[in-house]
C-alpha atoms as a PDB file:
ATOM      1  CA  MET A   1      -0.005  -0.057  -0.133  1.00  0.00           C
ATOM      2  CA  SER A   2       1.505   3.498  -0.890  1.00  0.00           C
ATOM      3  CA  THR A   3       2.023   6.269   1.503  1.00  0.00           C
ATOM      4  CA  THR A   4      -0.939   8.113  -0.193  1.00  0.00           C
ATOM      5  CA  ASP A   5      -3.128   5.084   0.278  1.00  0.00           C
ATOM      6  CA  ASN A   6      -2.334   4.751   3.852  1.00  0.00           C
ATOM      7  CA  ILE A   7      -2.964   8.471   4.633  1.00  0.00           C
ATOM      8  CA  ARG A   8      -6.362   8.204   2.849  1.00  0.00           C
ATOM      9  CA  TRP A   9      -7.028   5.162   4.990  1.00  0.00           C
ATOM     10  CA  LEU A  10      -5.957   6.953   8.187  1.00  0.00           C
ATOM     11  CA  SER A  11      -8.146   9.911   7.267  1.00  0.00           C
ATOM     12  CA  ASN A  12     -11.225   7.915   6.659  1.00  0.00           C
ATOM     13  CA  LEU A  13     -10.713   6.068  10.018  1.00  0.00           C
ATOM     14  CA  SER A  14     -10.298   9.373  11.859  1.00  0.00           C
ATOM     15  CA  LYS A  15     -13.162  10.753   9.793  1.00  0.00           C
ATOM     16  CA  ILE A  16     -11.078  13.648   8.471  1.00  0.00           C
ATOM     17  CA  GLN A  17     -11.664  14.738   4.870  1.00  0.00           C
ATOM     18  CA  LEU A  18      -8.438  15.697   2.849  1.00  0.00           C
ATOM     19  CA  ASN A  19      -8.586  17.184  -0.542  1.00  0.00           C
ATOM     20  CA  ASP A  20      -5.664  16.449  -2.965  1.00  0.00           C
ATOM     21  CA  GLU A  21      -3.597  19.544  -1.844  1.00  0.00           C
ATOM     22  CA  GLU A  22      -3.966  18.566   2.001  1.00  0.00           C
ATOM     23  CA  LEU A  23      -3.191  14.967   1.043  1.00  0.00           C
ATOM     24  CA  ILE A  24       0.157  15.866  -0.627  1.00  0.00           C
ATOM     25  CA  GLU A  25       1.010  18.104   2.493  1.00  0.00           C
ATOM     26  CA  MET A  26       0.109  15.413   4.871  1.00  0.00           C
ATOM     27  CA  GLU A  27       2.290  12.900   2.914  1.00  0.00           C
ATOM     28  CA  GLN A  28       5.269  15.202   2.950  1.00  0.00           C
ATOM     29  CA  ASP A  29       4.615  15.797   6.878  1.00  0.00           C
ATOM     30  CA  MET A  30       4.360  12.048   7.569  1.00  0.00           C
ATOM     31  CA  SER A  31       7.530  11.524   5.580  1.00  0.00           C
ATOM     32  CA  SER A  32       9.293  14.155   7.544  1.00  0.00           C
ATOM     33  CA  ILE A  33       8.072  12.401  10.749  1.00  0.00           C
ATOM     34  CA  MET A  34       9.311   9.008   9.754  1.00  0.00           C
ATOM     35  CA  VAL A  35      12.711  10.376   8.907  1.00  0.00           C
ATOM     36  CA  LEU A  36      12.878  11.977  12.315  1.00  0.00           C
ATOM     37  CA  MET A  37      11.712   8.908  14.032  1.00  0.00           C
ATOM     38  CA  ASP A  38      14.249   6.609  12.024  1.00  0.00           C
ATOM     39  CA  SER A  39      17.138   9.028  13.132  1.00  0.00           C
ATOM     40  CA  LEU A  40      16.090   8.609  16.790  1.00  0.00           C
ATOM     41  CA  GLY A  41      17.308   4.960  16.522  1.00  0.00           C
ATOM     42  CA  ASN A  42      20.843   6.263  16.185  1.00  0.00           C
ATOM     43  CA  VAL A  43      20.934   8.450  19.483  1.00  0.00           C
ATOM     44  CA  SER A  44      22.978   6.874  22.113  1.00  0.00           C
ATOM     45  CA  LEU A  45      21.675   7.428  25.636  1.00  0.00           C
ATOM     46  CA  PRO A  46      23.521   6.725  28.916  1.00  0.00           C
ATOM     47  CA  THR A  47      22.059   3.979  30.798  1.00  0.00           C
ATOM     48  CA  ASP A  48      21.635   4.138  34.472  1.00  0.00           C
ATOM     49  CA  GLU A  49      20.579   0.847  36.494  1.00  0.00           C
ATOM     50  CA  ALA A  50      19.378   2.945  39.326  1.00  0.00           C
ATOM     51  CA  VAL A  51      16.615   4.300  37.265  1.00  0.00           C
ATOM     52  CA  GLY A  52      14.759   1.202  36.912  1.00  0.00           C
ATOM     53  CA  GLU A  53      11.647   0.622  34.859  1.00  0.00           C
ATOM     54  CA  PRO A  54       9.668   3.944  34.459  1.00  0.00           C
ATOM     55  CA  LEU A  55       5.963   3.632  35.506  1.00  0.00           C
ATOM     56  CA  GLY A  56       6.384   0.003  36.292  1.00  0.00           C
ATOM     57  CA  LEU A  57       5.635  -0.916  32.588  1.00  0.00           C
ATOM     58  CA  CYS A  58       6.412  -4.421  33.077  1.00  0.00           C
ATOM     59  CA  ALA A  59       3.113  -4.838  35.292  1.00  0.00           C
ATOM     60  CA  LEU A  60       0.900  -4.186  32.062  1.00  0.00           C
ATOM     61  CA  ARG A  61      -1.243  -6.824  30.673  1.00  0.00           C
ATOM     62  CA  ASP A  62      -0.499  -8.569  27.261  1.00  0.00           C
ATOM     63  CA  ASP A  63      -2.481  -6.984  24.347  1.00  0.00           C
ATOM     64  CA  THR A  64      -5.133  -9.466  23.180  1.00  0.00           C
ATOM     65  CA  ILE A  65      -7.177  -9.141  19.995  1.00  0.00           C
ATOM     66  CA  CYS A  66     -10.900  -9.326  20.634  1.00  0.00           C
ATOM     67  CA  GLU A  67     -14.152  -8.896  18.861  1.00  0.00           C
ATOM     68  CA  SER A  68     -14.965  -5.023  18.391  1.00  0.00           C
ATOM     69  CA  ILE A  69     -18.359  -3.503  19.236  1.00  0.00           C
ATOM     70  CA  ASP A  70     -20.364  -2.708  16.078  1.00  0.00           C
ATOM     71  CA  THR A  71     -20.390   1.031  15.598  1.00  0.00           C
ATOM     72  CA  ALA A  72     -23.936   1.149  14.234  1.00  0.00           C
ATOM     73  CA  LEU A  73     -25.113  -0.566  17.522  1.00  0.00           C
ATOM     74  CA  LEU A  74     -23.118   1.835  19.535  1.00  0.00           C
ATOM     75  CA  ILE A  75     -24.414   5.026  17.560  1.00  0.00           C
ATOM     76  CA  SER A  76     -27.969   3.785  17.682  1.00  0.00           C
ATOM     77  CA  GLN A  77     -27.829   3.871  21.430  1.00  0.00           C
ATOM     78  CA  CYS A  78     -26.609   7.458  21.980  1.00  0.00           C
ATOM     79  CA  LYS A  79     -28.972  10.285  22.283  1.00  0.00           C
ATOM     80  CA  THR A  80     -27.266  12.669  19.933  1.00  0.00           C
ATOM     81  CA  LYS A  81     -25.154  11.908  16.855  1.00  0.00           C
ATOM     82  CA  TYR A  82     -23.500  13.618  13.957  1.00  0.00           C
ATOM     83  CA  ASP A  83     -22.198  11.889  10.815  1.00  0.00           C
ATOM     84  CA  ASN A  84     -21.855   8.374  12.404  1.00  0.00           C
ATOM     85  CA  CYS A  85     -20.100   9.906  15.599  1.00  0.00           C
ATOM     86  CA  PHE A  86     -21.016  10.512  19.043  1.00  0.00           C
ATOM     87  CA  SER A  87     -22.077  14.021  19.882  1.00  0.00           C
ATOM     88  CA  ILE A  88     -21.655  15.203  23.458  1.00  0.00           C
ATOM     89  CA  PRO A  89     -22.589  18.643  24.996  1.00  0.00           C
ATOM     90  CA  LYS A  90     -20.140  21.307  24.846  1.00  0.00           C
ATOM     91  CA  ILE A  91     -18.665  21.844  28.447  1.00  0.00           C
ATOM     92  CA  MET A  92     -16.086  24.644  27.856  1.00  0.00           C
ATOM     93  CA  GLU A  93     -16.060  27.805  25.937  1.00  0.00           C
END
């Protein structure tokens, strides 16, 4: 799958509409981010045994794949909805 196809797929999942110009700009931004992330692998950090495991990450449960809840069922049960999404009251100005 091409980068453009991936961005279209992600924008569809996040319910963001991108025109062709925005798609090109997003592709360039994502490429820059990936280059930056790849360069982080080359950074050498000092290790300190006294620091230990931050936030107790070893205590987290294993991720398991399970059946997802049907979106249509969830949306059908909410009081207010907009374009197949939950709509909640505004609480801040």
